[in-house]
C-alpha atoms as a PDB file:
ATOM      1  CA  MET A   1      12.748  11.792  -7.354  1.00  0.00           C
ATOM      2  CA  ARG A   2      11.068  11.925  -3.951  1.00  0.00           C
ATOM      3  CA  LEU A   3       9.442   8.814  -2.473  1.00  0.00           C
ATOM      4  CA  TYR A   4       6.546   9.108  -0.024  1.00  0.00           C
ATOM      5  CA  VAL A   5       5.961   6.088   2.209  1.00  0.00           C
ATOM      6  CA  SER A   6       2.414   5.692   3.539  1.00  0.00           C
ATOM      7  CA  MET A   7       2.084   4.022   6.955  1.00  0.00           C
ATOM      8  CA  PRO A   8      -1.458   3.831   8.387  1.00  0.00           C
ATOM      9  CA  THR A   9      -1.640   2.872  12.056  1.00  0.00           C
ATOM     10  CA  TYR A  10      -4.486   1.868  14.351  1.00  0.00           C
ATOM     11  CA  ASP A  11      -3.968  -0.510  17.274  1.00  0.00           C
ATOM     12  CA  THR A  12      -0.387  -1.683  16.784  1.00  0.00           C
ATOM     13  CA  PRO A  13       1.707  -1.632  19.981  1.00  0.00           C
ATOM     14  CA  GLN A  14       3.772   1.547  20.209  1.00  0.00           C
ATOM     15  CA  HIS A  15       7.121  -0.253  20.237  1.00  0.00           C
ATOM     16  CA  LEU A  16       6.318  -2.022  16.959  1.00  0.00           C
ATOM     17  CA  LEU A  17       5.185   1.236  15.368  1.00  0.00           C
ATOM     18  CA  GLU A  18       8.370   2.979  16.492  1.00  0.00           C
ATOM     19  CA  ARG A  19      10.455   0.108  15.070  1.00  0.00           C
ATOM     20  CA  ALA A  20       8.689   0.371  11.688  1.00  0.00           C
ATOM     21  CA  VAL A  21       9.052   4.157  11.644  1.00  0.00           C
ATOM     22  CA  ALA A  22      12.748   4.005  12.529  1.00  0.00           C
ATOM     23  CA  CYS A  23      13.583   1.575   9.737  1.00  0.00           C
ATOM     24  CA  VAL A  24      11.880   3.797   7.146  1.00  0.00           C
ATOM     25  CA  LEU A  25      13.397   7.046   8.429  1.00  0.00           C
ATOM     26  CA  GLY A  26      16.806   5.356   8.391  1.00  0.00           C
ATOM     27  CA  GLN A  27      16.691   4.508   4.670  1.00  0.00           C
ATOM     28  CA  GLU A  28      19.892   5.337   2.837  1.00  0.00           C
ATOM     29  CA  GLY A  29      20.443   6.811  -0.631  1.00  0.00           C
ATOM     30  CA  VAL A  30      16.885   7.996  -1.316  1.00  0.00           C
ATOM     31  CA  ASP A  31      14.972  11.275  -0.972  1.00  0.00           C
ATOM     32  CA  LEU A  32      12.161  10.054   1.251  1.00  0.00           C
ATOM     33  CA  ARG A  33       9.280  11.275   3.392  1.00  0.00           C
ATOM     34  CA  LEU A  34       7.273   9.015   5.699  1.00  0.00           C
ATOM     35  CA  VAL A  35       3.584   9.839   6.206  1.00  0.00           C
ATOM     36  CA  VAL A  36       2.143   8.111   9.285  1.00  0.00           C
ATOM     37  CA  VAL A  37      -1.660   8.287   9.332  1.00  0.00           C
ATOM     38  CA  GLY A  38      -3.477   7.652  12.606  1.00  0.00           C
ATOM     39  CA  ASP A  39      -6.572   5.743  11.497  1.00  0.00           C
ATOM     40  CA  GLY A  40      -8.940   7.194  14.079  1.00  0.00           C
ATOM     41  CA  VAL A  41      -6.185   7.422  16.689  1.00  0.00           C
ATOM     42  CA  PRO A  42      -3.624  10.097  17.641  1.00  0.00           C
ATOM     43  CA  VAL A  43      -0.029   9.565  16.547  1.00  0.00           C
ATOM     44  CA  TYR A  44       2.703   9.975  19.168  1.00  0.00           C
ATOM     45  CA  LEU A  45       6.132  10.022  17.528  1.00  0.00           C
ATOM     46  CA  GLU A  46       9.239  12.127  17.928  1.00  0.00           C
ATOM     47  CA  GLN A  47       9.592  14.843  15.307  1.00  0.00           C
ATOM     48  CA  HIS A  48      11.919  14.111  12.409  1.00  0.00           C
ATOM     49  CA  PRO A  49      12.711  16.060   9.192  1.00  0.00           C
ATOM     50  CA  ARG A  50      11.539  13.091   7.119  1.00  0.00           C
ATOM     51  CA  LEU A  51       8.325  12.481   9.097  1.00  0.00           C
ATOM     52  CA  ILE A  52       4.803  13.842   8.545  1.00  0.00           C
ATOM     53  CA  THR A  53       1.929  12.732  10.784  1.00  0.00           C
ATOM     54  CA  TYR A  54      -1.807  13.045  10.179  1.00  0.00           C
ATOM     55  CA  SER A  55      -4.747  11.731  12.198  1.00  0.00           C
ATOM     56  CA  LEU A  56      -8.171  10.819  10.838  1.00  0.00           C
ATOM     57  CA  PRO A  57     -11.120  11.533  13.157  1.00  0.00           C
ATOM     58  CA  GLU A  58     -12.459   7.969  12.873  1.00  0.00           C
ATOM     59  CA  ASN A  59     -11.228   4.514  11.926  1.00  0.00           C
ATOM     60  CA  ARG A  60     -11.754   3.970   8.186  1.00  0.00           C
ATOM     61  CA  GLY A  61      -9.303   1.185   7.308  1.00  0.00           C
ATOM     62  CA  ARG A  62      -5.848   1.195   5.778  1.00  0.00           C
ATOM     63  CA  TYR A  63      -6.972   1.632   2.150  1.00  0.00           C
ATOM     64  CA  PHE A  64      -8.848   4.801   3.078  1.00  0.00           C
ATOM     65  CA  ALA A  65      -5.713   6.115   4.803  1.00  0.00           C
ATOM     66  CA  ASP A  66      -3.520   5.129   1.854  1.00  0.00           C
ATOM     67  CA  ALA A  67      -5.996   6.797  -0.525  1.00  0.00           C
ATOM     68  CA  VAL A  68      -5.676  10.063   1.415  1.00  0.00           C
ATOM     69  CA  VAL A  69      -1.884   9.963   1.145  1.00  0.00           C
ATOM     70  CA  LEU A  70      -1.854   9.007  -2.531  1.00  0.00           C
ATOM     71  CA  GLU A  71      -4.317  11.756  -3.454  1.00  0.00           C
ATOM     72  CA  ALA A  72      -2.227  14.355  -1.598  1.00  0.00           C
ATOM     73  CA  LEU A  73       1.051  13.635  -3.392  1.00  0.00           C
ATOM     74  CA  PRO A  74       2.729  15.570  -6.217  1.00  0.00           C
ATOM     75  CA  ASP A  75       2.256  14.060  -9.679  1.00  0.00           C
ATOM     76  CA  ASP A  76       5.992  13.510 -10.185  1.00  0.00           C
ATOM     77  CA  ALA A  77       6.631  11.639  -6.906  1.00  0.00           C
ATOM     78  CA  TRP A  78       6.775   7.956  -6.018  1.00  0.00           C
ATOM     79  CA  TRP A  79       4.599   6.180  -3.444  1.00  0.00           C
ATOM     80  CA  ALA A  80       4.993   3.033  -1.368  1.00  0.00           C
ATOM     81  CA  PRO A  81       2.813   1.417   1.315  1.00  0.00           C
ATOM     82  CA  HIS A  82       4.372   0.145   4.550  1.00  0.00           C
ATOM     83  CA  ASP A  83       2.681  -1.693   7.400  1.00  0.00           C
ATOM     84  CA  ASP A  84       3.118  -0.251  10.879  1.00  0.00           C
ATOM     85  CA  ASP A  85       4.540  -3.463  12.341  1.00  0.00           C
ATOM     86  CA  ASP A  86       6.889  -4.551   9.537  1.00  0.00           C
ATOM     87  CA  VAL A  87      10.591  -3.925   8.914  1.00  0.00           C
ATOM     88  CA  SER A  88      12.637  -2.731   5.936  1.00  0.00           C
ATOM     89  CA  ASP A  89      16.393  -3.128   5.460  1.00  0.00           C
ATOM     90  CA  PRO A  90      18.311   0.216   5.228  1.00  0.00           C
ATOM     91  CA  ASP A  91      18.992  -0.011   1.472  1.00  0.00           C
ATOM     92  CA  ARG A  92      15.593  -1.361   0.439  1.00  0.00           C
ATOM     93  CA  PHE A  93      13.955   1.752  -1.014  1.00  0.00           C
ATOM     94  CA  GLU A  94      17.102   2.948  -2.800  1.00  0.00           C
ATOM     95  CA  ARG A  95      17.197  -0.404  -4.579  1.00  0.00           C
ATOM     96  CA  LEU A  96      13.475  -0.392  -5.387  1.00  0.00           C
ATOM     97  CA  MET A  97      13.693   3.089  -6.897  1.00  0.00           C
ATOM     98  CA  ARG A  98      16.681   2.050  -9.012  1.00  0.00           C
ATOM     99  CA  VAL A  99      15.140  -1.223 -10.220  1.00  0.00           C
ATOM    100  CA  GLY A 100      11.732   0.296 -10.958  1.00  0.00           C
ATOM    101  CA  ALA A 101      12.858   3.630 -12.416  1.00  0.00           C
ATOM    102  CA  GLU A 102      12.314   2.739 -16.069  1.00  0.00           C
ATOM    103  CA  VAL A 103       8.754   1.397 -15.810  1.00  0.00           C
ATOM    104  CA  GLY A 104       7.394   3.195 -12.730  1.00  0.00           C
ATOM    105  CA  ALA A 105       6.421   0.079 -10.774  1.00  0.00           C
ATOM    106  CA  VAL A 106       8.415  -2.528  -8.869  1.00  0.00           C
ATOM    107  CA  VAL A 107       7.712  -5.417  -6.504  1.00  0.00           C
ATOM    108  CA  ALA A 108      10.263  -7.537  -4.693  1.00  0.00           C
ATOM    109  CA  SER A 109      10.986 -10.761  -2.926  1.00  0.00           C
ATOM    110  CA  TYR A 110      10.516 -10.469   0.837  1.00  0.00           C
ATOM    111  CA  TRP A 111      10.871 -12.317   4.109  1.00  0.00           C
ATOM    112  CA  ARG A 112       7.638 -13.712   5.571  1.00  0.00           C
ATOM    113  CA  HIS A 113       7.931 -14.121   9.358  1.00  0.00           C
ATOM    114  CA  GLU A 114       5.337 -16.382  11.005  1.00  0.00           C
ATOM    115  CA  PRO A 115       4.032 -15.964  14.587  1.00  0.00           C
ATOM    116  CA  ASP A 116       5.872 -19.183  15.593  1.00  0.00           C
ATOM    117  CA  GLY A 117       9.234 -17.601  14.714  1.00  0.00           C
ATOM    118  CA  SER A 118       9.795 -19.378  11.400  1.00  0.00           C
ATOM    119  CA  LYS A 119      10.496 -17.421   8.228  1.00  0.00           C
ATOM    120  CA  ARG A 120      10.833 -17.950   4.497  1.00  0.00           C
ATOM    121  CA  ILE A 121      11.515 -15.951   1.342  1.00  0.00           C
ATOM    122  CA  VAL A 122       8.527 -15.284  -0.917  1.00  0.00           C
ATOM    123  CA  THR A 123       9.153 -14.412  -4.568  1.00  0.00           C
ATOM    124  CA  PRO A 124       6.694 -12.525  -6.843  1.00  0.00           C
ATOM    125  CA  ARG A 125       4.988 -14.723  -9.432  1.00  0.00           C
ATOM    126  CA  LEU A 126       4.574 -12.346 -12.357  1.00  0.00           C
ATOM    127  CA  SER A 127       3.265 -13.669 -15.660  1.00  0.00           C
ATOM    128  CA  ALA A 128       1.248 -12.232 -18.530  1.00  0.00           C
ATOM    129  CA  PRO A 129      -2.116 -10.872 -17.301  1.00  0.00           C
ATOM    130  CA  THR A 130      -5.161 -13.053 -17.862  1.00  0.00           C
ATOM    131  CA  GLY A 131      -8.828 -12.670 -17.039  1.00  0.00           C
ATOM    132  CA  GLY A 132      -8.282 -14.821 -13.958  1.00  0.00           C
ATOM    133  CA  TYR A 133      -8.027 -13.168 -10.549  1.00  0.00           C
ATOM    134  CA  ARG A 134      -4.945 -14.366  -8.693  1.00  0.00           C
ATOM    135  CA  HIS A 135      -2.310 -13.272  -6.197  1.00  0.00           C
ATOM    136  CA  ILE A 136       0.903 -12.396  -8.029  1.00  0.00           C
ATOM    137  CA  ALA A 137       2.851 -10.241  -5.575  1.00  0.00           C
ATOM    138  CA  THR A 138       2.554  -8.509  -2.214  1.00  0.00           C
ATOM    139  CA  TRP A 139       2.175  -4.765  -2.725  1.00  0.00           C
ATOM    140  CA  VAL A 140       4.019  -3.735   0.447  1.00  0.00           C
ATOM    141  CA  SER A 141       7.158  -5.287  -1.013  1.00  0.00           C
ATOM    142  CA  GLY A 142       7.170  -2.691  -3.784  1.00  0.00           C
ATOM    143  CA  ALA A 143       6.978   0.957  -4.841  1.00  0.00           C
ATOM    144  CA  PHE A 144       5.070   2.775  -7.568  1.00  0.00           C
ATOM    145  CA  SER A 145       5.242   6.114  -9.311  1.00  0.00           C
ATOM    146  CA  VAL A 146       2.263   8.273  -8.311  1.00  0.00           C
ATOM    147  CA  GLU A 147       1.242   8.506 -11.971  1.00  0.00           C
ATOM    148  CA  ARG A 148       1.269   4.722 -12.330  1.00  0.00           C
ATOM    149  CA  ALA A 149      -0.555   4.113  -9.041  1.00  0.00           C
ATOM    150  CA  ARG A 150      -3.303   6.575  -9.943  1.00  0.00           C
ATOM    151  CA  ARG A 151      -3.664   5.221 -13.481  1.00  0.00           C
ATOM    152  CA  SER A 152      -4.061   1.766 -11.952  1.00  0.00           C
ATOM    153  CA  GLY A 153      -7.060   3.036  -9.987  1.00  0.00           C
ATOM    154  CA  GLY A 154      -5.422   4.118  -6.769  1.00  0.00           C
ATOM    155  CA  MET A 155      -7.129   2.808  -3.643  1.00  0.00           C
ATOM    156  CA  LEU A 156     -10.643   1.386  -3.336  1.00  0.00           C
ATOM    157  CA  ALA A 157     -11.175   3.349  -0.138  1.00  0.00           C
ATOM    158  CA  ASP A 158     -14.398   1.755   1.122  1.00  0.00           C
ATOM    159  CA  VAL A 159     -13.035  -1.759   1.720  1.00  0.00           C
ATOM    160  CA  ARG A 160     -10.821  -2.851   4.598  1.00  0.00           C
ATOM    161  CA  VAL A 161      -9.196  -6.062   3.336  1.00  0.00           C
ATOM    162  CA  ALA A 162      -7.833  -7.797   0.233  1.00  0.00           C
ATOM    163  CA  TYR A 163      -7.448  -4.794  -2.089  1.00  0.00           C
ATOM    164  CA  ASP A 164      -3.662  -5.118  -2.191  1.00  0.00           C
ATOM    165  CA  THR A 165      -4.004  -8.215  -4.416  1.00  0.00           C
ATOM    166  CA  ALA A 166      -6.371  -6.394  -6.787  1.00  0.00           C
ATOM    167  CA  PHE A 167      -4.159  -3.310  -6.866  1.00  0.00           C
ATOM    168  CA  VAL A 168      -1.058  -5.170  -8.061  1.00  0.00           C
ATOM    169  CA  GLN A 169      -3.084  -6.910 -10.770  1.00  0.00           C
ATOM    170  CA  LEU A 170      -4.500  -3.570 -11.933  1.00  0.00           C
ATOM    171  CA  VAL A 171      -0.972  -2.135 -11.988  1.00  0.00           C
ATOM    172  CA  GLN A 172       0.068  -4.996 -14.244  1.00  0.00           C
ATOM    173  CA  LEU A 173      -2.768  -4.193 -16.648  1.00  0.00           C
ATOM    174  CA  THR A 174      -1.272  -0.697 -17.073  1.00  0.00           C
ATOM    175  CA  GLY A 175       2.193  -1.922 -18.090  1.00  0.00           C
ATOM    176  CA  ASP A 176       5.316  -3.774 -17.014  1.00  0.00           C
ATOM    177  CA  ILE A 177       6.293  -4.294 -13.371  1.00  0.00           C
ATOM    178  CA  ALA A 178       9.978  -4.621 -12.503  1.00  0.00           C
ATOM    179  CA  VAL A 179      11.074  -7.242  -9.960  1.00  0.00           C
ATOM    180  CA  ASP A 180      13.771  -6.814  -7.326  1.00  0.00           C
ATOM    181  CA  PRO A 181      14.942 -10.335  -6.370  1.00  0.00           C
ATOM    182  CA  THR A 182      16.646  -9.142  -3.173  1.00  0.00           C
ATOM    183  CA  PRO A 183      14.452  -9.634  -0.059  1.00  0.00           C
ATOM    184  CA  GLY A 184      14.813  -6.348   1.817  1.00  0.00           C
ATOM    185  CA  PHE A 185      11.334  -6.277   3.368  1.00  0.00           C
ATOM    186  CA  HIS A 186      10.217  -8.287   6.416  1.00  0.00           C
ATOM    187  CA  TRP A 187       6.490  -9.050   6.663  1.00  0.00           C
ATOM    188  CA  MET A 188       5.899  -9.736  10.362  1.00  0.00           C
ATOM    189  CA  ARG A 189       2.646 -11.717  10.576  1.00  0.00           C
ATOM    190  CA  ARG A 190       0.715 -11.400  13.856  1.00  0.00           C
ATOM    191  CA  ARG A 191      -2.095 -13.524  15.231  1.00  0.00           C
ATOM    192  CA  ASP A 192      -4.303 -10.475  15.832  1.00  0.00           C
ATOM    193  CA  SER A 193      -3.935  -8.975  12.332  1.00  0.00           C
ATOM    194  CA  LEU A 194      -6.791  -8.332   9.888  1.00  0.00           C
ATOM    195  CA  SER A 195      -5.824 -11.422   7.926  1.00  0.00           C
ATOM    196  CA  SER A 196      -6.015 -13.563  11.075  1.00  0.00           C
ATOM    197  CA  SER A 197      -9.048 -12.268  12.991  1.00  0.00           C
ATOM    198  CA  LYS A 198     -12.397 -14.083  12.881  1.00  0.00           C
ATOM    199  CA  ARG A 199     -14.258 -11.077  11.450  1.00  0.00           C
ATOM    200  CA  THR A 200     -11.888 -10.116   8.634  1.00  0.00           C
ATOM    201  CA  GLY A 201      -9.518 -13.089   8.314  1.00  0.00           C
ATOM    202  CA  MET A 202      -9.187 -15.690   5.596  1.00  0.00           C
ATOM    203  CA  ARG A 203     -12.514 -17.349   4.759  1.00  0.00           C
ATOM    204  CA  SER A 204     -14.490 -14.839   6.842  1.00  0.00           C
ATOM    205  CA  SER A 205     -17.773 -13.782   5.247  1.00  0.00           C
ATOM    206  CA  TYR A 206     -16.619 -10.147   5.095  1.00  0.00           C
ATOM    207  CA  ARG A 207     -13.416 -11.025   3.245  1.00  0.00           C
ATOM    208  CA  GLU A 208     -15.217 -13.351   0.848  1.00  0.00           C
ATOM    209  CA  ASN A 209     -17.744 -10.629  -0.004  1.00  0.00           C
ATOM    210  CA  VAL A 210     -14.952  -8.132  -0.633  1.00  0.00           C
ATOM    211  CA  LYS A 211     -13.061 -10.623  -2.808  1.00  0.00           C
ATOM    212  CA  PHE A 212     -16.200 -11.205  -4.897  1.00  0.00           C
ATOM    213  CA  ARG A 213     -16.446  -7.453  -5.474  1.00  0.00           C
ATOM    214  CA  LEU A 214     -12.753  -7.207  -6.368  1.00  0.00           C
ATOM    215  CA  LYS A 215     -12.923 -10.110  -8.800  1.00  0.00           C
ATOM    216  CA  ARG A 216     -15.700  -8.327 -10.688  1.00  0.00           C
ATOM    217  CA  LEU A 217     -13.657  -5.107 -10.715  1.00  0.00           C
ATOM    218  CA  TYR A 218     -10.588  -6.869 -12.095  1.00  0.00           C
ATOM    219  CA  ARG A 219     -12.591  -8.787 -14.700  1.00  0.00           C
ATOM    220  CA  ASP A 220     -14.207  -5.584 -15.949  1.00  0.00           C
ATOM    221  CA  ALA A 221     -10.846  -3.780 -16.049  1.00  0.00           C
ATOM    222  CA  TYR A 222      -9.258  -6.648 -17.973  1.00  0.00           C
ATOM    223  CA  ASN A 223     -12.114  -6.867 -20.465  1.00  0.00           C
ATOM    224  CA  SER A 224     -12.189  -3.098 -21.000  1.00  0.00           C
ATOM    225  CA  GLY A 225      -8.924  -3.142 -22.931  1.00  0.00           C
ATOM    226  CA  HIS A 226      -7.952   0.170 -21.318  1.00  0.00           C
ATOM    227  CA  ASP A 227      -4.823   1.066 -19.347  1.00  0.00           C
ATOM    228  CA  ASP A 228      -6.306   3.706 -17.028  1.00  0.00           C
ATOM    229  CA  PHE A 229      -8.702   2.561 -14.300  1.00  0.00           C
ATOM    230  CA  ARG A 230      -8.897   5.636 -12.088  1.00  0.00           C
ATOM    231  CA  ASP A 231     -12.437   6.554 -13.128  1.00  0.00           C
ATOM    232  CA  MET A 232     -13.574   2.936 -12.916  1.00  0.00           C
ATOM    233  CA  VAL A 233     -12.381   2.556  -9.318  1.00  0.00           C
ATOM    234  CA  ARG A 234     -13.788   5.920  -8.262  1.00  0.00           C
ATOM    235  CA  ARG A 235     -17.199   5.075  -9.751  1.00  0.00           C
ATOM    236  CA  ARG A 236     -17.257   1.909  -7.661  1.00  0.00           C
ATOM    237  CA  THR A 237     -16.403   3.701  -4.428  1.00  0.00           C
ATOM    238  CA  ALA A 238     -19.183   5.136  -2.272  1.00  0.00           C
ATOM    239  CA  SER A 239     -19.542   8.850  -3.081  1.00  0.00           C
ATOM    240  CA  ASN A 240     -19.490   9.924   0.563  1.00  0.00           C
ATOM    241  CA  VAL A 241     -16.214   8.029   1.016  1.00  0.00           C
ATOM    242  CA  LEU A 242     -14.659   9.753  -1.991  1.00  0.00           C
ATOM    243  CA  GLU A 243     -15.678  13.132  -0.613  1.00  0.00           C
ATOM    244  CA  GLN A 244     -13.964  12.383   2.688  1.00  0.00           C
ATOM    245  CA  VAL A 245     -10.808  11.131   0.969  1.00  0.00           C
ATOM    246  CA  ASP A 246     -10.588  14.286  -1.127  1.00  0.00           C
ATOM    247  CA  LEU A 247     -11.223  16.497   1.913  1.00  0.00           C
ATOM    248  CA  HIS A 248      -8.477  14.923   4.018  1.00  0.00           C
ATOM    249  CA  ALA A 249      -6.102  14.826   1.035  1.00  0.00           C
ATOM    250  CA  SER A 250      -6.449  18.575   0.550  1.00  0.00           C
ATOM    251  CA  VAL A 251      -5.518  19.184   4.192  1.00  0.00           C
ATOM    252  CA  LEU A 252      -2.585  16.766   4.080  1.00  0.00           C
ATOM    253  CA  ARG A 253      -1.389  18.252   0.789  1.00  0.00           C
ATOM    254  CA  SER A 254      -0.868  21.612   2.477  1.00  0.00           C
ATOM    255  CA  ARG A 255       1.415  19.935   5.025  1.00  0.00           C
ATOM    256  CA  LEU A 256       3.529  18.344   2.322  1.00  0.00           C
ATOM    257  CA  GLU A 257       4.223  21.628   0.494  1.00  0.00           C
END
């Protein structure tokens, strides 16, 4: 089973991007392809048999870029997000694929590295789904079958922050999620990240507005009693954004074949 890792990139320093790319390309024991998407920027990386690059003409945000990758993938593949400044241990994806094989979705414990140099292990807090909107796991610690990710709604491509929390909760509404207790992923928090900046950071008006929208989406999905939210998420995405996602996905798809 092939795994495609989606890595959007925008303004991350080149040496951090190259570090993230190297740790994914160096994964052991898994059939893997890394798709690096320049989010309105060109991508300058050495060619590699496992590497595919694609550049969007304008900055649209990581969920738009991830949506393009997810829409381009074969139905029988797996998909995983990866930040362009984070690090994965060499055996991480082989373990995720093994742990999550039966149910098609897996999240894991991970290392959280703070800007001051401190670090700690964070463990997923999975429990039975409720109507309450809450953070249960970080999506970049995990991997998902393409079928499961799409049935969970895929990406809400017209927001720039906070959808990772909603995505994992929607995945849980579609079935079980396996948990890998081994922390093989390193989340490297930076002071200039989207979660830290004044415009898009915690408690910013933009983030609060997006969270309000996502809470309504999750509540409606939970109350629907369904286990397929693809149409629901697409209906709540701006039509012009969907058209652009589908257009770029068709071009990228031809590069993956």
